[in-house]
Amino acid sequence: MARKITKAPTTPQAQELTFDCTALYIRVSTDKQADEGFSLDAQRTRLDAYCIAQGWTVCADHVYVDSVSGKNTDRPAYKAMMKAAHAGAIRRVVAVKLDRVARNTREFLATVDTLTSVDVSLVLIKESFDTSTPHGKFALTMFAAMAELEITIIQERLTEGRNEKARQGEMPGKYTPLGYTFNEDEKQHYSIDTQAAPVIMGIFNQFIDGDSLTAIARSLNEQDAPTARGGKWYPATVKYILRNGFYAGLVQYDGIETQGDHPAIIDRSCYETAITRLHSLRPGPNPTH
């Protein structure tokens, strides 16, 4: 009599081998990126088309979208995706390009290492990289280093631009110190705030006359004198005012000090006298006497 052959039950291991859930990671952080074709919808359309061409199944529950900066990996959807990877819920992650995932080599390679440790590959469409292949792993490392170099160069250019503004006597950025108002459309951007300037002059006069930083802060709080951000006065706040050469008509940035083109609230000798006394105070992170 012929022996009946029954199909063996599927083992968990066999289920793992046939499991093929693809996750999508989408991120946009600025309106400019959206205008350049990297909007959330544009990324989703491109990712879906790519996965169809590859024969990969996109799992609806594993489409992760972040609308936040990519300066670090502290992003809600990103963290949820990595949690799903650790739980064994996905086989691969597909993103449009490298900078959607990370913005520096350390964080990018950490992401790759984490995904690789749980047998999840990372695929980047624009760079044609796939970490499941040896060439992809090597290329990703090299490209990540190049991406970080590019960011570093941009940062250096921005810093040099700020330094050049300081050398020309202009205030880097648009920060407005207490005692001034900023006028975008005027040739001379900074003008003296006649209501707040007396507070600045009073701080320098009290300090030069021998008052402590703590006593000055207490006096300002009793008078409800305004601060730049609307908070209370502290010894450190007073010290910051006294060290700011902008009040003496100077522009100081990254070790550069030049004569600015803005009006001074105090004269240069008053500022230098205050600096001399600051240097003579008792050493410590927040000297008050």
Protein backbone atom coordinates (compact mmCIF):
# COMPACT_ATOMS: atom_id res chain seq x y z
CA MET A 1 0.00 0.00 0.00
CA ALA A 2 1.37 3.36 -0.98
CA ARG A 3 2.51 5.53 1.85
CA LYS A 4 0.80 8.91 2.09
CA ILE A 5 3.22 11.81 2.08
CA THR A 6 2.18 14.83 4.14
CA LYS A 7 3.66 18.32 3.80
CA ALA A 8 5.93 19.25 6.67
CA PRO A 9 4.73 22.19 8.75
CA THR A 10 6.44 25.51 8.16
CA THR A 11 9.05 26.18 10.83
CA PRO A 12 9.74 29.61 12.29
CA GLN A 13 13.11 29.48 10.54
CA ALA A 14 11.46 28.87 7.20
CA GLN A 15 9.07 31.74 7.82
CA GLU A 16 12.02 34.04 8.48
CA LEU A 17 13.69 33.04 5.22
CA THR A 18 10.62 33.93 3.16
CA PHE A 19 9.74 37.10 5.07
CA ASP A 20 10.24 40.19 2.92
CA CYS A 21 8.80 43.41 4.38
CA THR A 22 10.29 46.63 3.05
CA ALA A 23 10.18 49.80 5.14
CA LEU A 24 10.35 53.31 3.69
CA TYR A 25 12.02 56.22 5.43
CA ILE A 26 11.03 59.72 4.33
CA ARG A 27 12.21 63.04 5.73
CA VAL A 28 12.07 66.69 4.75
CA SER A 29 13.24 69.51 7.01
CA THR A 30 12.90 72.74 5.00
CA ASP A 31 10.61 74.38 2.46
CA LYS A 32 13.61 74.69 0.15
CA GLN A 33 14.07 70.93 0.08
CA ALA A 34 10.39 70.53 -0.81
CA ASP A 35 10.80 73.00 -3.67
CA GLU A 36 13.81 71.04 -4.95
CA GLY A 37 11.75 67.88 -5.40
CA PHE A 38 12.27 66.27 -2.01
CA SER A 39 8.79 66.89 -0.57
CA LEU A 40 7.25 64.08 1.44
CA ASP A 41 4.87 63.15 -1.39
CA ALA A 42 7.63 63.29 -4.01
CA GLN A 43 9.83 60.99 -1.94
CA ARG A 44 6.99 58.52 -1.37
CA THR A 45 6.18 58.35 -5.09
CA ARG A 46 9.82 57.74 -5.99
CA LEU A 47 10.29 55.10 -3.30
CA ASP A 48 7.13 53.21 -4.25
CA ALA A 49 8.14 53.10 -7.91
CA TYR A 50 11.63 51.86 -7.04
CA CYS A 51 10.35 49.09 -4.78
CA ILE A 52 7.87 47.91 -7.43
CA ALA A 53 10.72 47.71 -9.95
CA GLN A 54 12.77 45.66 -7.49
CA GLY A 55 9.85 43.36 -6.65
CA TRP A 56 9.90 44.39 -3.00
CA THR A 57 6.76 44.54 -0.86
CA VAL A 58 6.28 47.82 0.97
CA CYS A 59 4.50 47.20 4.26
CA ALA A 60 1.89 49.90 4.90
CA ASP A 61 2.60 49.81 8.65
CA HIS A 62 6.28 50.51 8.07
CA VAL A 63 6.32 53.79 6.18
CA TYR A 64 8.19 56.18 8.47
CA VAL A 65 7.92 59.93 7.93
CA ASP A 66 9.82 62.70 9.76
CA SER A 67 9.28 66.40 9.10
CA VAL A 68 12.18 67.54 11.27
CA SER A 69 15.84 68.45 11.01
CA GLY A 70 18.35 65.72 10.28
CA LYS A 71 21.13 67.13 12.44
CA ASN A 72 20.86 64.07 14.65
CA THR A 73 18.90 60.84 14.91
CA ASP A 74 16.57 62.07 17.66
CA ARG A 75 13.56 61.87 15.34
CA PRO A 76 10.26 60.13 16.25
CA ALA A 77 9.73 58.15 13.03
CA TYR A 78 13.42 57.26 12.75
CA LYS A 79 13.42 55.83 16.28
CA ALA A 80 10.20 53.90 15.59
CA MET A 81 11.78 52.44 12.45
CA MET A 82 14.89 51.31 14.32
CA LYS A 83 12.68 49.74 16.99
CA ALA A 84 10.84 47.80 14.27
CA ALA A 85 14.17 46.66 12.85
CA HIS A 86 15.26 45.34 16.25
CA ALA A 87 11.92 43.56 16.59
CA GLY A 88 12.52 41.73 13.31
CA ALA A 89 9.50 43.34 11.63
CA ILE A 90 11.31 44.54 8.49
CA ARG A 91 13.87 43.15 6.06
CA ARG A 92 15.19 46.38 4.53
CA VAL A 93 14.89 50.18 4.76
CA VAL A 94 14.72 52.24 1.57
CA ALA A 95 15.32 56.01 1.46
CA VAL A 96 15.72 58.46 -1.41
CA LYS A 97 19.23 59.63 -0.50
CA LEU A 98 21.85 59.47 2.21
CA ASP A 99 21.17 62.85 3.83
CA ARG A 100 17.56 61.84 4.47
CA VAL A 101 18.94 59.32 6.97
CA ALA A 102 21.89 61.14 8.58
CA ARG A 103 24.06 64.23 8.22
CA ASN A 104 27.46 63.04 9.38
CA THR A 105 29.65 59.98 9.05
CA ARG A 106 29.45 58.88 12.68
CA GLU A 107 25.66 58.83 12.83
CA PHE A 108 25.27 57.34 9.37
CA LEU A 109 27.68 54.49 9.99
CA ALA A 110 26.08 53.89 13.39
CA THR A 111 22.73 53.48 11.62
CA VAL A 112 24.24 51.07 9.11
CA ASP A 113 25.94 49.05 11.86
CA THR A 114 22.74 48.84 13.90
CA LEU A 115 20.65 47.70 10.95
CA THR A 116 23.30 45.23 9.81
CA SER A 117 23.46 43.69 13.29
CA VAL A 118 19.79 42.70 12.97
CA ASP A 119 20.06 41.60 9.32
CA VAL A 120 18.28 44.64 7.91
CA SER A 121 19.77 46.26 4.82
CA LEU A 122 19.72 49.97 3.96
CA VAL A 123 19.06 51.02 0.36
CA LEU A 124 19.61 54.54 -0.98
CA ILE A 125 18.11 55.22 -4.40
CA LYS A 126 20.02 58.30 -5.51
CA GLU A 127 23.40 56.84 -4.65
CA SER A 128 22.44 53.36 -5.96
CA PHE A 129 23.76 51.84 -2.75
CA ASP A 130 22.62 48.71 -0.99
CA THR A 131 24.30 47.63 2.24
CA SER A 132 23.40 44.02 1.57
CA THR A 133 26.21 43.89 -1.02
CA PRO A 134 29.97 44.14 -0.35
CA HIS A 135 30.36 46.96 -2.87
CA GLY A 136 27.49 48.80 -1.24
CA LYS A 137 29.04 48.60 2.21
CA PHE A 138 32.34 49.97 0.96
CA ALA A 139 30.75 52.69 -1.15
CA LEU A 140 28.50 53.82 1.69
CA THR A 141 31.48 54.33 3.98
CA MET A 142 33.29 56.41 1.38
CA PHE A 143 30.24 58.44 0.45
CA ALA A 144 29.39 59.14 4.08
CA ALA A 145 32.90 60.54 4.58
CA MET A 146 32.46 62.76 1.52
CA ALA A 147 29.09 64.00 2.76
CA GLU A 148 30.58 64.98 6.11
CA LEU A 149 33.45 66.75 4.34
CA GLU A 150 30.95 68.77 2.31
CA ILE A 151 29.06 69.82 5.46
CA THR A 152 32.35 70.79 7.13
CA ILE A 153 33.31 72.94 4.13
CA ILE A 154 29.94 74.70 4.23
CA GLN A 155 30.34 75.38 7.95
CA GLU A 156 33.84 76.76 7.37
CA ARG A 157 32.50 79.09 4.67
CA LEU A 158 29.79 80.34 7.01
CA THR A 159 32.33 80.92 9.78
CA GLU A 160 34.69 82.74 7.41
CA GLY A 161 31.78 84.90 6.27
CA ARG A 162 31.02 85.85 9.88
CA ASN A 163 34.72 86.53 10.52
CA GLU A 164 34.89 88.78 7.46
CA LYS A 165 31.86 90.73 8.66
CA ALA A 166 33.56 91.18 12.03
CA ARG A 167 36.77 92.37 10.34
CA GLN A 168 34.71 94.95 8.47
CA GLY A 169 33.14 96.18 11.69
CA GLU A 170 29.74 94.54 11.17
CA MET A 171 27.92 92.41 13.72
CA PRO A 172 27.83 88.74 12.57
CA GLY A 173 24.21 87.62 12.39
CA LYS A 174 21.23 89.66 13.53
CA TYR A 175 21.49 89.32 17.31
CA THR A 176 20.50 92.61 18.90
CA PRO A 177 22.12 93.34 22.29
CA LEU A 178 20.04 94.96 25.01
CA GLY A 179 20.22 98.72 24.55
CA TYR A 180 19.95 98.65 20.75
CA THR A 181 17.31 98.25 18.09
CA PHE A 182 17.97 96.57 14.73
CA ASN A 183 16.87 98.32 11.54
CA GLU A 184 16.98 95.97 8.54
CA ASP A 185 16.42 98.65 5.91
CA GLU A 186 18.74 101.31 7.31
CA LYS A 187 22.35 101.78 6.22
CA GLN A 188 23.33 101.81 9.88
CA HIS A 189 21.52 98.71 11.15
CA TYR A 190 21.87 99.39 14.88
CA SER A 191 20.55 102.42 16.71
CA ILE A 192 20.46 103.13 20.44
CA ASP A 193 17.31 102.18 22.34
CA THR A 194 16.81 105.26 24.50
CA GLN A 195 14.75 103.32 27.06
CA ALA A 196 17.15 100.41 27.57
CA ALA A 197 20.48 102.24 27.11
CA PRO A 198 20.36 103.83 30.60
CA VAL A 199 20.22 100.31 32.08
CA ILE A 200 23.50 99.48 30.32
CA MET A 201 25.18 102.71 31.45
CA GLY A 202 23.98 102.10 35.01
CA ILE A 203 25.49 98.58 35.04
CA PHE A 204 28.92 99.85 33.98
CA ASN A 205 28.85 102.81 36.39
CA GLN A 206 27.81 100.65 39.36
CA PHE A 207 30.45 98.04 38.62
CA ILE A 208 33.23 100.59 38.19
CA ASP A 209 32.13 102.22 41.46
CA GLY A 210 32.73 98.89 43.24
CA ASP A 211 29.34 97.14 43.33
CA SER A 212 29.40 93.36 43.02
CA LEU A 213 27.77 91.46 40.18
CA THR A 214 25.26 90.04 42.67
CA ALA A 215 24.36 93.45 44.05
CA ILE A 216 23.88 94.89 40.57
CA ALA A 217 21.65 91.97 39.53
CA ARG A 218 19.57 92.34 42.70
CA SER A 219 19.17 96.06 42.11
CA LEU A 220 18.09 95.55 38.51
CA ASN A 221 15.50 92.97 39.54
CA GLU A 222 14.12 95.33 42.20
CA GLN A 223 13.75 97.99 39.49
CA ASP A 224 12.14 95.50 37.07
CA ALA A 225 14.79 96.49 34.56
CA PRO A 226 14.35 94.65 31.23
CA THR A 227 16.73 91.97 29.99
CA ALA A 228 17.30 91.06 26.34
CA ARG A 229 15.03 88.00 26.65
CA GLY A 230 12.59 89.26 29.24
CA GLY A 231 13.91 87.16 32.12
CA LYS A 232 15.49 87.95 35.48
CA TRP A 233 18.93 89.40 36.08
CA TYR A 234 21.68 87.14 37.43
CA PRO A 235 25.35 87.84 38.17
CA ALA A 236 26.25 85.97 34.97
CA THR A 237 23.87 88.21 33.00
CA VAL A 238 25.54 91.32 34.38
CA LYS A 239 28.97 89.89 33.63
CA TYR A 240 27.94 89.19 30.04
CA ILE A 241 26.92 92.86 29.63
CA LEU A 242 30.22 94.08 31.07
CA ARG A 243 32.27 91.86 28.77
CA ASN A 244 30.41 92.89 25.63
CA GLY A 245 32.57 95.35 23.72
CA PHE A 246 29.65 96.14 21.42
CA TYR A 247 28.54 98.72 23.98
CA ALA A 248 31.83 100.55 23.47
CA GLY A 249 31.40 100.56 19.68
CA LEU A 250 33.44 97.39 19.09
CA VAL A 251 32.62 94.26 17.11
CA GLN A 252 34.01 91.06 18.66
CA TYR A 253 33.76 87.63 17.09
CA ASP A 254 35.91 84.50 17.31
CA GLY A 255 38.95 86.37 18.62
CA ILE A 256 38.52 89.28 16.19
CA GLU A 257 37.96 92.78 17.57
CA THR A 258 37.40 95.78 15.32
CA GLN A 259 35.78 99.17 15.50
CA GLY A 260 32.15 98.85 14.52
CA ASP A 261 29.99 101.22 12.53
CA HIS A 262 27.28 101.36 15.21
CA PRO A 263 26.91 104.04 17.93
CA ALA A 264 28.49 103.34 21.32
CA ILE A 265 26.50 103.52 24.56
CA ILE A 266 29.60 103.83 26.76
CA ASP A 267 33.05 105.17 25.99
CA ARG A 268 36.05 102.93 25.39
CA SER A 269 37.80 103.86 28.65
CA CYS A 270 34.70 102.92 30.67
CA TYR A 271 34.61 99.52 29.00
CA GLU A 272 38.33 98.88 29.53
CA THR A 273 38.04 99.88 33.20
CA ALA A 274 35.22 97.38 33.67
CA ILE A 275 37.19 94.64 31.91
CA THR A 276 40.20 95.32 34.14
CA ARG A 277 38.08 94.95 37.27
CA LEU A 278 36.45 91.79 35.93
CA HIS A 279 39.89 90.24 35.47
CA SER A 280 40.76 91.08 39.08
CA LEU A 281 37.74 89.33 40.53
CA ARG A 282 38.13 86.17 42.57
CA PRO A 283 38.66 83.18 40.22
CA GLY A 284 35.67 80.92 39.62
CA PRO A 285 33.01 80.14 37.06
CA ASN A 286 30.65 82.86 38.36
CA PRO A 287 32.56 85.39 40.45
CA THR A 288 30.19 87.78 42.21
CA HIS A 289 32.46 90.17 44.06
